[in-house]
């Protein structure tokens, strides 16, 4: 059996990012023990963000396809569906602490995220916040 991997979208301050599409920092945890263990971090370029990957729509694999579950604050239906096509479940939550979100997911008690705001995808200030620039 392979170790389940969960990626969490994170901001510079360590909190869960509110928007999957523009996030460039994802921490990946192995979850086969009692406590989730940080095993690696995925640092995407802006052009490698989920939003850009989804908009290109060229069928290429994304680095998040290497995990079983990805957790963030919000995400659109399209990117959620496209990740699921290659067996990565994208979940949204109002939880801001990555470890608590993973523990809650594993217990089946992860709080649902807020609806995706399409306008956020186009807001340059929001892009700066989640990309860390």
N, C-alpha and C. Protein backbone atom coordinates (compact mmCIF):
# COMPACT_ATOMS: atom_id res chain seq x y z
N UNK A 1 0.84 -1.18 0.00
CA UNK A 1 0.00 0.00 0.00
C UNK A 1 0.89 1.24 0.00
N UNK A 2 0.55 2.22 -0.80
CA UNK A 2 1.33 3.45 -0.86
C UNK A 2 0.84 4.43 0.21
N UNK A 3 1.75 5.27 0.62
CA UNK A 3 1.42 6.28 1.63
C UNK A 3 0.54 7.36 1.01
N UNK A 4 -0.62 7.64 1.60
CA UNK A 4 -1.45 8.73 1.08
C UNK A 4 -0.73 10.06 1.24
N UNK A 5 -0.77 10.88 0.18
CA UNK A 5 -0.14 12.19 0.20
C UNK A 5 -1.21 13.28 0.10
N UNK A 6 -1.08 14.28 0.96
CA UNK A 6 -2.01 15.41 0.96
C UNK A 6 -1.21 16.69 0.79
N UNK A 7 -1.56 17.49 -0.21
CA UNK A 7 -0.93 18.79 -0.43
C UNK A 7 -1.85 19.87 0.11
N UNK A 8 -1.25 20.87 0.73
CA UNK A 8 -2.02 22.00 1.27
C UNK A 8 -1.46 23.28 0.66
N UNK A 9 -2.35 24.11 0.11
CA UNK A 9 -1.96 25.41 -0.44
C UNK A 9 -1.63 26.33 0.72
N UNK A 10 -0.42 26.90 0.71
CA UNK A 10 -0.02 27.73 1.85
C UNK A 10 0.49 29.11 1.41
N UNK A 11 0.18 30.06 2.28
CA UNK A 11 0.69 31.43 2.12
C UNK A 11 2.04 31.54 2.84
N UNK A 12 2.72 32.67 2.65
CA UNK A 12 4.01 32.89 3.33
C UNK A 12 3.88 32.80 4.84
N UNK A 13 2.74 33.19 5.40
CA UNK A 13 2.56 33.16 6.85
C UNK A 13 2.22 31.77 7.39
N UNK A 14 2.14 30.77 6.50
CA UNK A 14 1.87 29.40 6.91
C UNK A 14 0.41 29.00 6.91
N UNK A 15 -0.49 29.96 6.75
CA UNK A 15 -1.92 29.66 6.70
C UNK A 15 -2.30 29.06 5.34
N UNK A 16 -3.45 28.41 5.32
CA UNK A 16 -3.97 27.87 4.07
C UNK A 16 -4.37 29.03 3.16
N UNK A 17 -3.95 28.94 1.92
CA UNK A 17 -4.27 29.97 0.93
C UNK A 17 -5.75 29.92 0.60
N UNK A 18 -6.32 31.08 0.39
CA UNK A 18 -7.74 31.19 0.09
C UNK A 18 -8.11 30.84 -1.34
N UNK A 19 -7.14 30.64 -2.22
CA UNK A 19 -7.47 30.40 -3.62
C UNK A 19 -6.46 29.45 -4.25
N UNK A 20 -6.92 28.29 -4.67
CA UNK A 20 -6.03 27.27 -5.23
C UNK A 20 -5.36 27.72 -6.53
N UNK A 21 -6.11 28.38 -7.38
CA UNK A 21 -5.63 28.70 -8.71
C UNK A 21 -4.40 29.57 -8.77
N UNK A 22 -4.28 30.51 -7.85
CA UNK A 22 -3.15 31.44 -7.88
C UNK A 22 -2.05 31.08 -6.88
N UNK A 23 -2.25 30.05 -6.10
CA UNK A 23 -1.26 29.66 -5.10
C UNK A 23 -0.05 29.02 -5.77
N UNK A 24 1.14 29.43 -5.34
CA UNK A 24 2.36 28.83 -5.90
C UNK A 24 3.09 27.97 -4.87
N UNK A 25 2.67 27.98 -3.62
CA UNK A 25 3.32 27.20 -2.57
C UNK A 25 2.37 26.13 -2.04
N UNK A 26 2.78 24.88 -2.17
CA UNK A 26 2.00 23.73 -1.70
C UNK A 26 2.91 22.85 -0.85
N UNK A 27 2.51 22.60 0.39
CA UNK A 27 3.26 21.69 1.26
C UNK A 27 2.60 20.32 1.18
N UNK A 28 3.42 19.29 1.04
CA UNK A 28 2.93 17.93 0.85
C UNK A 28 3.27 17.10 2.08
N UNK A 29 2.25 16.43 2.60
CA UNK A 29 2.37 15.63 3.83
C UNK A 29 2.07 14.17 3.54
N UNK A 30 2.87 13.28 4.15
CA UNK A 30 2.56 11.85 4.17
C UNK A 30 1.64 11.62 5.35
N UNK A 31 0.66 10.75 5.18
CA UNK A 31 -0.38 10.62 6.21
C UNK A 31 -0.58 9.20 6.69
N UNK A 32 0.44 8.36 6.63
CA UNK A 32 0.23 6.98 7.08
C UNK A 32 0.57 6.79 8.55
N UNK A 33 0.96 7.84 9.23
CA UNK A 33 1.23 7.74 10.67
C UNK A 33 0.18 8.55 11.43
N UNK A 34 0.31 8.58 12.76
CA UNK A 34 -0.64 9.34 13.57
C UNK A 34 -0.59 10.82 13.25
N UNK A 35 0.61 11.32 13.04
CA UNK A 35 0.80 12.75 12.79
C UNK A 35 1.24 12.97 11.34
N UNK A 36 0.56 13.85 10.59
CA UNK A 36 1.01 14.13 9.22
C UNK A 36 2.46 14.59 9.23
N UNK A 37 3.23 14.12 8.26
CA UNK A 37 4.65 14.42 8.19
C UNK A 37 4.93 15.19 6.90
N UNK A 38 5.48 16.40 7.03
CA UNK A 38 5.85 17.19 5.86
C UNK A 38 6.97 16.47 5.13
N UNK A 39 6.73 16.10 3.87
CA UNK A 39 7.73 15.34 3.12
C UNK A 39 8.36 16.16 2.00
N UNK A 40 7.64 17.11 1.44
CA UNK A 40 8.26 18.02 0.47
C UNK A 40 7.35 19.19 0.23
N UNK A 41 7.89 20.19 -0.46
CA UNK A 41 7.12 21.37 -0.84
C UNK A 41 7.18 21.52 -2.34
N UNK A 42 6.07 21.91 -2.91
CA UNK A 42 6.00 22.19 -4.34
C UNK A 42 5.97 23.70 -4.48
N UNK A 43 6.93 24.25 -5.19
CA UNK A 43 6.98 25.69 -5.46
C UNK A 43 6.77 25.88 -6.96
N UNK A 44 5.64 26.43 -7.31
CA UNK A 44 5.28 26.61 -8.71
C UNK A 44 5.66 28.01 -9.18
N UNK A 45 5.97 28.12 -10.44
CA UNK A 45 6.11 29.45 -11.04
C UNK A 45 4.70 30.00 -11.25
N UNK A 46 4.58 31.28 -11.50
CA UNK A 46 3.25 31.84 -11.77
C UNK A 46 2.61 31.15 -12.97
N UNK A 47 3.42 30.85 -13.99
CA UNK A 47 2.86 30.19 -15.17
C UNK A 47 2.52 28.73 -14.91
N UNK A 48 3.01 28.17 -13.80
CA UNK A 48 2.69 26.80 -13.42
C UNK A 48 1.55 26.70 -12.42
N UNK A 49 0.97 27.84 -12.04
CA UNK A 49 -0.14 27.82 -11.08
C UNK A 49 -1.31 27.02 -11.65
N UNK A 50 -2.18 26.56 -10.78
CA UNK A 50 -3.35 25.81 -11.24
C UNK A 50 -4.21 26.61 -12.20
N UNK A 51 -4.33 27.91 -11.94
CA UNK A 51 -5.15 28.75 -12.82
C UNK A 51 -4.59 28.72 -14.24
N UNK A 52 -3.29 28.97 -14.37
CA UNK A 52 -2.67 29.01 -15.70
C UNK A 52 -2.71 27.64 -16.36
N UNK A 53 -2.46 26.58 -15.60
CA UNK A 53 -2.53 25.22 -16.13
C UNK A 53 -3.93 24.92 -16.65
N UNK A 54 -4.93 25.30 -15.86
CA UNK A 54 -6.32 25.04 -16.23
C UNK A 54 -6.71 25.84 -17.47
N UNK A 55 -6.33 27.11 -17.52
CA UNK A 55 -6.69 27.97 -18.66
C UNK A 55 -6.04 27.46 -19.95
N UNK A 56 -4.79 26.98 -19.86
CA UNK A 56 -4.12 26.44 -21.05
C UNK A 56 -4.88 25.25 -21.60
N UNK A 57 -5.39 24.40 -20.70
CA UNK A 57 -6.22 23.27 -21.10
C UNK A 57 -5.58 22.34 -22.11
N UNK A 58 -4.27 22.18 -22.06
CA UNK A 58 -3.59 21.38 -23.06
C UNK A 58 -3.42 19.92 -22.65
N UNK A 59 -3.99 19.51 -21.54
CA UNK A 59 -3.94 18.12 -21.12
C UNK A 59 -2.68 17.69 -20.41
N UNK A 60 -1.74 18.60 -20.23
CA UNK A 60 -0.50 18.28 -19.53
C UNK A 60 -0.78 17.90 -18.09
N UNK A 61 0.08 17.05 -17.54
CA UNK A 61 0.01 16.73 -16.12
C UNK A 61 0.45 17.95 -15.33
N UNK A 62 -0.01 18.03 -14.09
CA UNK A 62 0.38 19.11 -13.18
C UNK A 62 1.10 18.46 -12.00
N UNK A 63 2.04 19.16 -11.36
CA UNK A 63 2.73 18.59 -10.20
C UNK A 63 1.77 18.08 -9.11
N UNK A 64 0.60 18.68 -8.98
CA UNK A 64 -0.35 18.22 -7.96
C UNK A 64 -0.97 16.86 -8.30
N UNK A 65 -0.75 16.37 -9.50
CA UNK A 65 -1.22 15.03 -9.82
C UNK A 65 -0.43 13.96 -9.07
N UNK A 66 0.65 14.37 -8.40
CA UNK A 66 1.44 13.40 -7.63
C UNK A 66 0.88 13.16 -6.24
N UNK A 67 -0.18 13.89 -5.86
CA UNK A 67 -0.77 13.71 -4.54
C UNK A 67 -2.18 13.13 -4.67
N UNK A 68 -2.66 12.59 -3.57
CA UNK A 68 -4.00 12.02 -3.55
C UNK A 68 -5.07 13.08 -3.31
N UNK A 69 -4.75 14.03 -2.42
CA UNK A 69 -5.69 15.06 -2.02
C UNK A 69 -4.95 16.39 -1.98
N UNK A 70 -5.62 17.45 -2.42
CA UNK A 70 -5.09 18.81 -2.30
C UNK A 70 -6.14 19.63 -1.56
N UNK A 71 -5.69 20.44 -0.61
CA UNK A 71 -6.60 21.23 0.22
C UNK A 71 -6.26 22.71 0.07
N UNK A 72 -7.30 23.54 -0.08
CA UNK A 72 -7.13 24.98 -0.21
C UNK A 72 -8.40 25.66 0.30
N UNK A 73 -8.42 26.99 0.26
CA UNK A 73 -9.58 27.74 0.71
C UNK A 73 -10.73 27.72 -0.27
N UNK A 74 -10.43 27.90 -1.57
CA UNK A 74 -11.48 27.87 -2.59
C UNK A 74 -10.87 27.43 -3.91
N UNK A 75 -11.74 26.96 -4.79
CA UNK A 75 -11.31 26.52 -6.12
C UNK A 75 -12.53 26.46 -7.02
N UNK A 76 -12.30 26.68 -8.29
CA UNK A 76 -13.38 26.58 -9.26
C UNK A 76 -13.68 25.15 -9.63
N UNK A 77 -14.88 24.94 -10.17
CA UNK A 77 -15.31 23.60 -10.56
C UNK A 77 -14.42 23.00 -11.65
N UNK A 78 -13.99 23.85 -12.58
CA UNK A 78 -13.20 23.35 -13.71
C UNK A 78 -11.88 22.77 -13.27
N UNK A 79 -11.13 23.48 -12.45
CA UNK A 79 -9.83 22.98 -12.01
C UNK A 79 -10.01 21.77 -11.09
N UNK A 80 -11.05 21.76 -10.30
CA UNK A 80 -11.35 20.61 -9.44
C UNK A 80 -11.60 19.38 -10.30
N UNK A 81 -12.38 19.54 -11.34
CA UNK A 81 -12.71 18.44 -12.24
C UNK A 81 -11.46 17.96 -12.99
N UNK A 82 -10.64 18.89 -13.46
CA UNK A 82 -9.45 18.51 -14.23
C UNK A 82 -8.43 17.77 -13.37
N UNK A 83 -8.26 18.17 -12.11
CA UNK A 83 -7.36 17.42 -11.22
C UNK A 83 -7.92 16.02 -10.96
N UNK A 84 -9.23 15.93 -10.78
CA UNK A 84 -9.86 14.63 -10.51
C UNK A 84 -9.72 13.66 -11.69
N UNK A 85 -9.58 14.18 -12.89
CA UNK A 85 -9.40 13.31 -14.06
C UNK A 85 -8.16 12.44 -13.93
N UNK A 86 -7.21 12.90 -13.11
CA UNK A 86 -5.99 12.12 -12.87
C UNK A 86 -5.87 11.74 -11.40
N UNK A 87 -7.02 11.58 -10.76
CA UNK A 87 -7.12 11.02 -9.40
C UNK A 87 -6.57 11.89 -8.28
N UNK A 88 -6.58 13.21 -8.45
CA UNK A 88 -6.27 14.11 -7.35
C UNK A 88 -7.56 14.80 -6.93
N UNK A 89 -7.95 14.59 -5.69
CA UNK A 89 -9.17 15.19 -5.16
C UNK A 89 -8.82 16.56 -4.60
N UNK A 90 -9.44 17.62 -5.11
CA UNK A 90 -9.21 18.98 -4.62
C UNK A 90 -10.37 19.36 -3.70
N UNK A 91 -10.04 19.65 -2.43
CA UNK A 91 -11.05 20.00 -1.43
C UNK A 91 -10.83 21.43 -0.97
N UNK A 92 -11.92 22.09 -0.62
CA UNK A 92 -11.83 23.44 -0.08
C UNK A 92 -12.29 23.45 1.37
N UNK A 93 -11.74 24.42 2.12
CA UNK A 93 -12.07 24.49 3.54
C UNK A 93 -11.96 25.93 4.04
N UNK A 94 -12.68 26.22 5.10
CA UNK A 94 -12.53 27.50 5.78
C UNK A 94 -11.45 27.42 6.86
N UNK A 95 -10.95 26.21 7.14
CA UNK A 95 -9.87 26.05 8.11
C UNK A 95 -8.62 26.75 7.58
N UNK A 96 -7.87 27.40 8.45
CA UNK A 96 -6.67 28.11 8.02
C UNK A 96 -5.37 27.42 8.42
N UNK A 97 -5.43 26.48 9.36
CA UNK A 97 -4.24 25.78 9.82
C UNK A 97 -4.04 24.49 9.02
N UNK A 98 -2.93 24.36 8.29
CA UNK A 98 -2.73 23.17 7.45
C UNK A 98 -2.79 21.84 8.19
N UNK A 99 -2.12 21.72 9.33
CA UNK A 99 -2.13 20.44 10.05
C UNK A 99 -3.52 20.10 10.58
N UNK A 100 -4.22 21.09 11.07
CA UNK A 100 -5.59 20.84 11.55
C UNK A 100 -6.48 20.41 10.39
N UNK A 101 -6.31 21.05 9.23
CA UNK A 101 -7.11 20.69 8.06
C UNK A 101 -6.86 19.23 7.67
N UNK A 102 -5.59 18.82 7.69
CA UNK A 102 -5.28 17.42 7.34
C UNK A 102 -5.88 16.47 8.37
N UNK A 103 -5.69 16.77 9.64
CA UNK A 103 -6.27 15.90 10.68
C UNK A 103 -7.78 15.81 10.53
N UNK A 104 -8.43 16.96 10.30
CA UNK A 104 -9.88 16.98 10.14
C UNK A 104 -10.30 16.17 8.91
N UNK A 105 -9.56 16.31 7.82
CA UNK A 105 -9.86 15.52 6.62
C UNK A 105 -9.78 14.03 6.94
N UNK A 106 -8.74 13.62 7.61
CA UNK A 106 -8.56 12.21 7.93
C UNK A 106 -9.65 11.68 8.85
N UNK A 107 -10.21 12.56 9.71
CA UNK A 107 -11.32 12.17 10.60
C UNK A 107 -12.67 12.30 9.90
N UNK A 108 -12.69 12.89 8.71
CA UNK A 108 -13.95 13.11 8.01
C UNK A 108 -14.72 14.31 8.51
N UNK A 109 -14.01 15.26 9.15
CA UNK A 109 -14.69 16.43 9.72
C UNK A 109 -14.18 17.75 9.15
N UNK A 110 -13.55 17.73 7.98
CA UNK A 110 -13.01 18.96 7.39
C UNK A 110 -14.15 19.92 7.04
N UNK A 111 -14.06 21.14 7.57
CA UNK A 111 -15.07 22.17 7.28
C UNK A 111 -15.03 22.52 5.80
N UNK A 112 -16.20 22.67 5.20
CA UNK A 112 -16.29 23.02 3.78
C UNK A 112 -15.78 24.43 3.53
N UNK A 113 -15.29 24.64 2.32
CA UNK A 113 -14.82 25.97 1.93
C UNK A 113 -15.96 26.85 1.48
N UNK A 114 -15.61 28.10 1.22
CA UNK A 114 -16.58 29.06 0.71
C UNK A 114 -16.72 28.89 -0.80
N UNK A 115 -17.81 29.39 -1.37
CA UNK A 115 -17.97 29.31 -2.83
C UNK A 115 -16.83 30.03 -3.53
N UNK A 116 -16.47 29.54 -4.70
CA UNK A 116 -15.41 30.13 -5.50
C UNK A 116 -15.87 31.47 -6.08
N UNK A 117 -15.06 32.49 -5.91
CA UNK A 117 -15.36 33.81 -6.45
C UNK A 117 -14.55 34.00 -7.72
N UNK A 118 -15.20 33.94 -8.86
CA UNK A 118 -14.51 34.04 -10.14
C UNK A 118 -13.74 35.36 -10.27
N UNK A 119 -14.26 36.44 -9.68
CA UNK A 119 -13.61 37.75 -9.77
C UNK A 119 -12.22 37.72 -9.12
N UNK A 120 -12.03 36.86 -8.11
CA UNK A 120 -10.72 36.77 -7.46
C UNK A 120 -9.64 36.33 -8.42
N UNK A 121 -10.01 35.52 -9.40
CA UNK A 121 -9.03 35.02 -10.37
C UNK A 121 -8.43 36.17 -11.19
N UNK A 122 -9.19 37.22 -11.33
CA UNK A 122 -8.76 38.32 -12.18
C UNK A 122 -8.19 39.50 -11.41
N UNK A 123 -8.29 39.51 -10.09
CA UNK A 123 -7.85 40.63 -9.25
C UNK A 123 -6.34 40.58 -9.04
N UNK A 124 -5.59 41.57 -9.56
CA UNK A 124 -4.12 41.55 -9.42
C UNK A 124 -3.65 41.59 -7.96
N UNK A 125 -4.36 42.26 -7.07
CA UNK A 125 -3.96 42.29 -5.66
C UNK A 125 -4.09 40.91 -5.04
N UNK A 126 -5.14 40.20 -5.38
CA UNK A 126 -5.32 38.85 -4.87
C UNK A 126 -4.20 37.93 -5.37
N UNK A 127 -3.84 38.10 -6.65
CA UNK A 127 -2.77 37.27 -7.22
C UNK A 127 -1.46 37.49 -6.45
N UNK A 128 -1.16 38.72 -6.10
CA UNK A 128 0.07 39.03 -5.35
C UNK A 128 0.05 38.37 -3.98
N UNK A 129 -1.12 38.38 -3.33
CA UNK A 129 -1.25 37.81 -1.98
C UNK A 129 -0.97 36.31 -1.98
N UNK A 130 -1.57 35.56 -2.88
CA UNK A 130 -1.41 34.11 -2.85
C UNK A 130 -0.10 33.65 -3.48
N UNK A 131 0.48 34.45 -4.35
CA UNK A 131 1.73 34.03 -4.96
C UNK A 131 2.93 34.46 -4.11
N UNK A 132 2.68 35.32 -3.14
CA UNK A 132 3.76 35.75 -2.26
C UNK A 132 4.60 36.86 -2.86
N UNK A 133 4.15 37.48 -3.93
CA UNK A 133 4.91 38.58 -4.57
C UNK A 133 4.18 39.90 -4.48
